Amino acid sequence: MNPIISTRPHHEFLMEYLKDPAKAAPYLNSVAADGELKYLLIALRNVVEAQGGVGPLAEKTHLSRTTLYKTLSPRGNPEFNTLDSILNVYGLRM
C-alpha cells in the first residue's frame, strides 16, 4: 500500500510557516547571510505578507505605507535606516 501524500502550493505553505515569528527570523537571517539585497527584499515581502501586510508593519515601524511599499517593491532601493527599522520589527539588526 502506498501512503497518500497531499501537496499544496509552495507559496501557501510558506505563508503559513512565516506567520510564526520564531520561524520568520531564522528565514530572514539565512537570506541576509547570503548578502544579496534583492533576495532579502523578496524574503521581507514574504514575511510581511504572511504576518498581515504593510498596514501592521507601518504601525510597528512608524513608517508610511508608501515608504514601505516602495522599499519592498521589486525595484526597491531602501535606505539603511528604513531597512533597519523593518528588520528590527522581526528581531533582526543590520
N, C-alpha and C. Protein backbone atom coordinates (compact mmCIF):
# COMPACT_ATOMS: atom_id res chain seq x y z
N MET A 1 0.83 -1.20 0.00
CA MET A 1 0.00 0.00 0.00
C MET A 1 0.87 1.25 0.00
N ASN A 2 0.52 2.16 -0.84
CA ASN A 2 1.21 3.44 -0.88
C ASN A 2 0.48 4.45 -0.02
N PRO A 3 1.21 5.16 0.83
CA PRO A 3 0.53 6.20 1.62
C PRO A 3 0.11 7.35 0.70
N ILE A 4 -0.97 7.98 1.06
CA ILE A 4 -1.44 9.13 0.30
C ILE A 4 -0.67 10.36 0.76
N ILE A 5 -0.09 11.03 -0.20
CA ILE A 5 0.68 12.24 0.10
C ILE A 5 -0.10 13.41 -0.46
N SER A 6 -0.40 14.34 0.41
CA SER A 6 -1.10 15.53 -0.08
C SER A 6 -0.07 16.63 -0.32
N THR A 7 -0.35 17.41 -1.31
CA THR A 7 0.54 18.52 -1.62
C THR A 7 -0.26 19.80 -1.64
N ARG A 8 0.47 20.90 -1.55
CA ARG A 8 -0.16 22.21 -1.67
C ARG A 8 0.87 23.16 -2.25
N PRO A 9 0.41 24.26 -2.77
CA PRO A 9 1.35 25.19 -3.38
C PRO A 9 2.39 25.69 -2.38
N HIS A 10 3.60 25.90 -2.88
CA HIS A 10 4.71 26.36 -2.04
C HIS A 10 4.38 27.67 -1.34
N HIS A 11 3.82 28.63 -2.09
CA HIS A 11 3.52 29.94 -1.50
C HIS A 11 2.54 29.81 -0.34
N GLU A 12 1.56 28.95 -0.47
CA GLU A 12 0.59 28.72 0.61
C GLU A 12 1.29 28.18 1.85
N PHE A 13 2.17 27.19 1.67
CA PHE A 13 2.93 26.64 2.79
C PHE A 13 3.81 27.71 3.42
N LEU A 14 4.51 28.47 2.57
CA LEU A 14 5.42 29.49 3.07
C LEU A 14 4.69 30.54 3.90
N MET A 15 3.52 30.97 3.46
CA MET A 15 2.75 31.98 4.20
C MET A 15 2.35 31.46 5.57
N GLU A 16 1.94 30.21 5.63
CA GLU A 16 1.58 29.61 6.93
C GLU A 16 2.81 29.49 7.83
N TYR A 17 3.92 29.06 7.26
CA TYR A 17 5.16 28.88 8.01
C TYR A 17 5.67 30.19 8.58
N LEU A 18 5.63 31.25 7.78
CA LEU A 18 6.21 32.53 8.19
C LEU A 18 5.32 33.35 9.10
N LYS A 19 4.12 32.89 9.38
CA LYS A 19 3.26 33.58 10.35
C LYS A 19 3.89 33.54 11.74
N ASP A 20 4.65 32.50 11.99
CA ASP A 20 5.30 32.31 13.29
C ASP A 20 6.60 33.11 13.32
N PRO A 21 6.67 34.15 14.18
CA PRO A 21 7.90 34.96 14.25
C PRO A 21 9.15 34.13 14.58
N ALA A 22 8.98 33.05 15.31
CA ALA A 22 10.13 32.19 15.64
C ALA A 22 10.68 31.48 14.41
N LYS A 23 9.88 31.37 13.37
CA LYS A 23 10.34 30.77 12.12
C LYS A 23 10.74 31.84 11.11
N ALA A 24 10.12 33.01 11.19
CA ALA A 24 10.42 34.08 10.24
C ALA A 24 11.83 34.64 10.45
N ALA A 25 12.25 34.79 11.70
CA ALA A 25 13.57 35.36 11.97
C ALA A 25 14.71 34.52 11.40
N PRO A 26 14.73 33.20 11.63
CA PRO A 26 15.81 32.40 11.02
C PRO A 26 15.75 32.40 9.48
N TYR A 27 14.54 32.45 8.94
CA TYR A 27 14.37 32.54 7.49
C TYR A 27 15.04 33.81 6.96
N LEU A 28 14.76 34.94 7.60
CA LEU A 28 15.36 36.20 7.18
C LEU A 28 16.88 36.19 7.40
N ASN A 29 17.31 35.64 8.52
CA ASN A 29 18.76 35.57 8.81
C ASN A 29 19.50 34.78 7.74
N SER A 30 18.91 33.66 7.33
CA SER A 30 19.60 32.82 6.34
C SER A 30 19.69 33.53 4.99
N VAL A 31 18.64 34.26 4.63
CA VAL A 31 18.68 35.00 3.36
C VAL A 31 19.66 36.17 3.47
N ALA A 32 19.65 36.86 4.59
CA ALA A 32 20.56 38.00 4.79
C ALA A 32 22.02 37.56 4.77
N ALA A 33 22.30 36.36 5.25
CA ALA A 33 23.67 35.86 5.29
C ALA A 33 24.27 35.72 3.89
N ASP A 34 23.41 35.55 2.89
CA ASP A 34 23.90 35.45 1.51
C ASP A 34 24.40 36.79 0.98
N GLY A 35 23.94 37.89 1.59
CA GLY A 35 24.42 39.21 1.22
C GLY A 35 23.82 39.83 -0.03
N GLU A 36 22.79 39.23 -0.57
CA GLU A 36 22.14 39.77 -1.77
C GLU A 36 20.88 40.54 -1.38
N LEU A 37 20.92 41.86 -1.56
CA LEU A 37 19.80 42.70 -1.16
C LEU A 37 18.51 42.31 -1.86
N LYS A 38 18.57 41.98 -3.14
CA LYS A 38 17.33 41.65 -3.86
C LYS A 38 16.64 40.43 -3.26
N TYR A 39 17.41 39.46 -2.78
CA TYR A 39 16.80 38.29 -2.16
C TYR A 39 16.29 38.60 -0.75
N LEU A 40 16.96 39.47 -0.06
CA LEU A 40 16.49 39.88 1.25
C LEU A 40 15.16 40.61 1.12
N LEU A 41 15.02 41.46 0.11
CA LEU A 41 13.75 42.17 -0.09
C LEU A 41 12.62 41.21 -0.44
N ILE A 42 12.90 40.18 -1.21
CA ILE A 42 11.89 39.16 -1.52
C ILE A 42 11.48 38.45 -0.24
N ALA A 43 12.46 38.08 0.57
CA ALA A 43 12.17 37.39 1.84
C ALA A 43 11.36 38.30 2.77
N LEU A 44 11.72 39.57 2.83
CA LEU A 44 10.97 40.52 3.66
C LEU A 44 9.52 40.64 3.17
N ARG A 45 9.34 40.72 1.84
CA ARG A 45 7.98 40.78 1.30
C ARG A 45 7.19 39.56 1.72
N ASN A 46 7.81 38.40 1.69
CA ASN A 46 7.13 37.17 2.11
C ASN A 46 6.71 37.23 3.58
N VAL A 47 7.63 37.67 4.43
CA VAL A 47 7.33 37.74 5.87
C VAL A 47 6.24 38.78 6.14
N VAL A 48 6.35 39.93 5.50
CA VAL A 48 5.34 40.99 5.69
C VAL A 48 3.98 40.49 5.26
N GLU A 49 3.91 39.83 4.12
CA GLU A 49 2.63 39.28 3.65
C GLU A 49 2.07 38.26 4.63
N ALA A 50 2.92 37.35 5.09
CA ALA A 50 2.49 36.29 6.00
C ALA A 50 2.01 36.83 7.34
N GLN A 51 2.58 37.96 7.76
CA GLN A 51 2.26 38.49 9.08
C GLN A 51 1.29 39.67 9.04
N GLY A 52 0.50 39.74 7.98
CA GLY A 52 -0.60 40.70 7.99
C GLY A 52 -0.49 41.85 7.02
N GLY A 53 0.62 42.00 6.33
CA GLY A 53 0.73 43.03 5.32
C GLY A 53 1.42 44.30 5.79
N VAL A 54 1.40 45.29 4.91
CA VAL A 54 2.10 46.54 5.13
C VAL A 54 1.48 47.38 6.24
N GLY A 55 0.16 47.32 6.40
CA GLY A 55 -0.52 48.12 7.43
C GLY A 55 0.05 47.90 8.83
N PRO A 56 0.04 46.65 9.31
CA PRO A 56 0.61 46.39 10.63
C PRO A 56 2.09 46.74 10.72
N LEU A 57 2.83 46.52 9.64
CA LEU A 57 4.26 46.86 9.64
C LEU A 57 4.45 48.37 9.75
N ALA A 58 3.61 49.14 9.08
CA ALA A 58 3.70 50.61 9.16
C ALA A 58 3.49 51.08 10.59
N GLU A 59 2.55 50.47 11.29
CA GLU A 59 2.31 50.85 12.69
C GLU A 59 3.51 50.53 13.57
N LYS A 60 4.12 49.38 13.34
CA LYS A 60 5.25 48.95 14.16
C LYS A 60 6.52 49.74 13.89
N THR A 61 6.72 50.13 12.63
CA THR A 61 7.96 50.83 12.26
C THR A 61 7.81 52.35 12.32
N HIS A 62 6.57 52.84 12.39
CA HIS A 62 6.28 54.27 12.33
C HIS A 62 6.74 54.87 11.00
N LEU A 63 6.70 54.04 9.95
CA LEU A 63 6.99 54.49 8.59
C LEU A 63 5.69 54.50 7.81
N SER A 64 5.62 55.33 6.79
CA SER A 64 4.39 55.39 5.99
C SER A 64 4.26 54.13 5.14
N ARG A 65 3.01 53.82 4.81
CA ARG A 65 2.75 52.69 3.93
C ARG A 65 3.44 52.89 2.58
N THR A 66 3.41 54.12 2.09
CA THR A 66 4.04 54.42 0.81
C THR A 66 5.53 54.10 0.85
N THR A 67 6.20 54.52 1.91
CA THR A 67 7.62 54.23 2.06
C THR A 67 7.86 52.73 2.07
N LEU A 68 7.02 52.00 2.79
CA LEU A 68 7.19 50.55 2.88
C LEU A 68 6.92 49.86 1.55
N TYR A 69 5.87 50.29 0.86
CA TYR A 69 5.59 49.71 -0.46
C TYR A 69 6.76 49.94 -1.41
N LYS A 70 7.29 51.16 -1.41
CA LYS A 70 8.43 51.46 -2.28
C LYS A 70 9.66 50.65 -1.88
N THR A 71 9.91 50.56 -0.59
CA THR A 71 11.07 49.83 -0.08
C THR A 71 11.01 48.36 -0.45
N LEU A 72 9.83 47.76 -0.32
CA LEU A 72 9.68 46.33 -0.52
C LEU A 72 9.34 45.95 -1.96
N SER A 73 9.20 46.94 -2.83
CA SER A 73 8.85 46.64 -4.22
C SER A 73 10.04 45.96 -4.90
N PRO A 74 9.75 45.25 -5.99
CA PRO A 74 10.85 44.60 -6.72
C PRO A 74 11.93 45.58 -7.18
N ARG A 75 11.58 46.83 -7.33
CA ARG A 75 12.56 47.85 -7.72
C ARG A 75 13.03 48.68 -6.53
N GLY A 76 12.70 48.21 -5.34
CA GLY A 76 13.04 48.95 -4.13
C GLY A 76 14.54 49.13 -3.96
N ASN A 77 14.89 50.28 -3.44
CA ASN A 77 16.27 50.60 -3.14
C ASN A 77 16.27 51.27 -1.76
N PRO A 78 16.10 50.44 -0.71
CA PRO A 78 15.89 51.01 0.62
C PRO A 78 17.10 51.72 1.19
N GLU A 79 16.80 52.75 1.96
CA GLU A 79 17.85 53.39 2.74
C GLU A 79 18.16 52.49 3.93
N PHE A 80 19.36 52.62 4.44
CA PHE A 80 19.79 51.78 5.55
C PHE A 80 18.83 51.89 6.73
N ASN A 81 18.45 53.11 7.11
CA ASN A 81 17.58 53.31 8.27
C ASN A 81 16.22 52.66 8.08
N THR A 82 15.68 52.73 6.88
CA THR A 82 14.39 52.11 6.60
C THR A 82 14.48 50.60 6.73
N LEU A 83 15.49 50.02 6.11
CA LEU A 83 15.67 48.58 6.18
C LEU A 83 15.93 48.13 7.61
N ASP A 84 16.71 48.88 8.34
CA ASP A 84 16.99 48.55 9.74
C ASP A 84 15.71 48.60 10.58
N SER A 85 14.85 49.57 10.33
CA SER A 85 13.58 49.68 11.06
C SER A 85 12.69 48.47 10.80
N ILE A 86 12.66 48.03 9.55
CA ILE A 86 11.84 46.87 9.20
C ILE A 86 12.40 45.61 9.85
N LEU A 87 13.70 45.40 9.73
CA LEU A 87 14.31 44.20 10.31
C LEU A 87 14.17 44.18 11.83
N ASN A 88 14.22 45.35 12.45
CA ASN A 88 14.07 45.43 13.90
C ASN A 88 12.73 44.88 14.37
N VAL A 89 11.68 45.08 13.57
CA VAL A 89 10.36 44.54 13.90
C VAL A 89 10.43 43.02 14.05
N TYR A 90 11.28 42.39 13.26
CA TYR A 90 11.38 40.94 13.28
C TYR A 90 12.53 40.45 14.15
N GLY A 91 13.07 41.35 14.96
CA GLY A 91 14.11 40.98 15.92
C GLY A 91 15.48 40.84 15.31
N LEU A 92 15.70 41.49 14.16
CA LEU A 92 16.99 41.39 13.48
C LEU A 92 17.64 42.75 13.41
N ARG A 93 18.96 42.77 13.35
CA ARG A 93 19.73 44.01 13.22
C ARG A 93 20.65 43.89 12.04
N MET A 94 20.93 45.02 11.39
CA MET A 94 21.89 45.02 10.28
C MET A 94 23.29 45.02 10.84
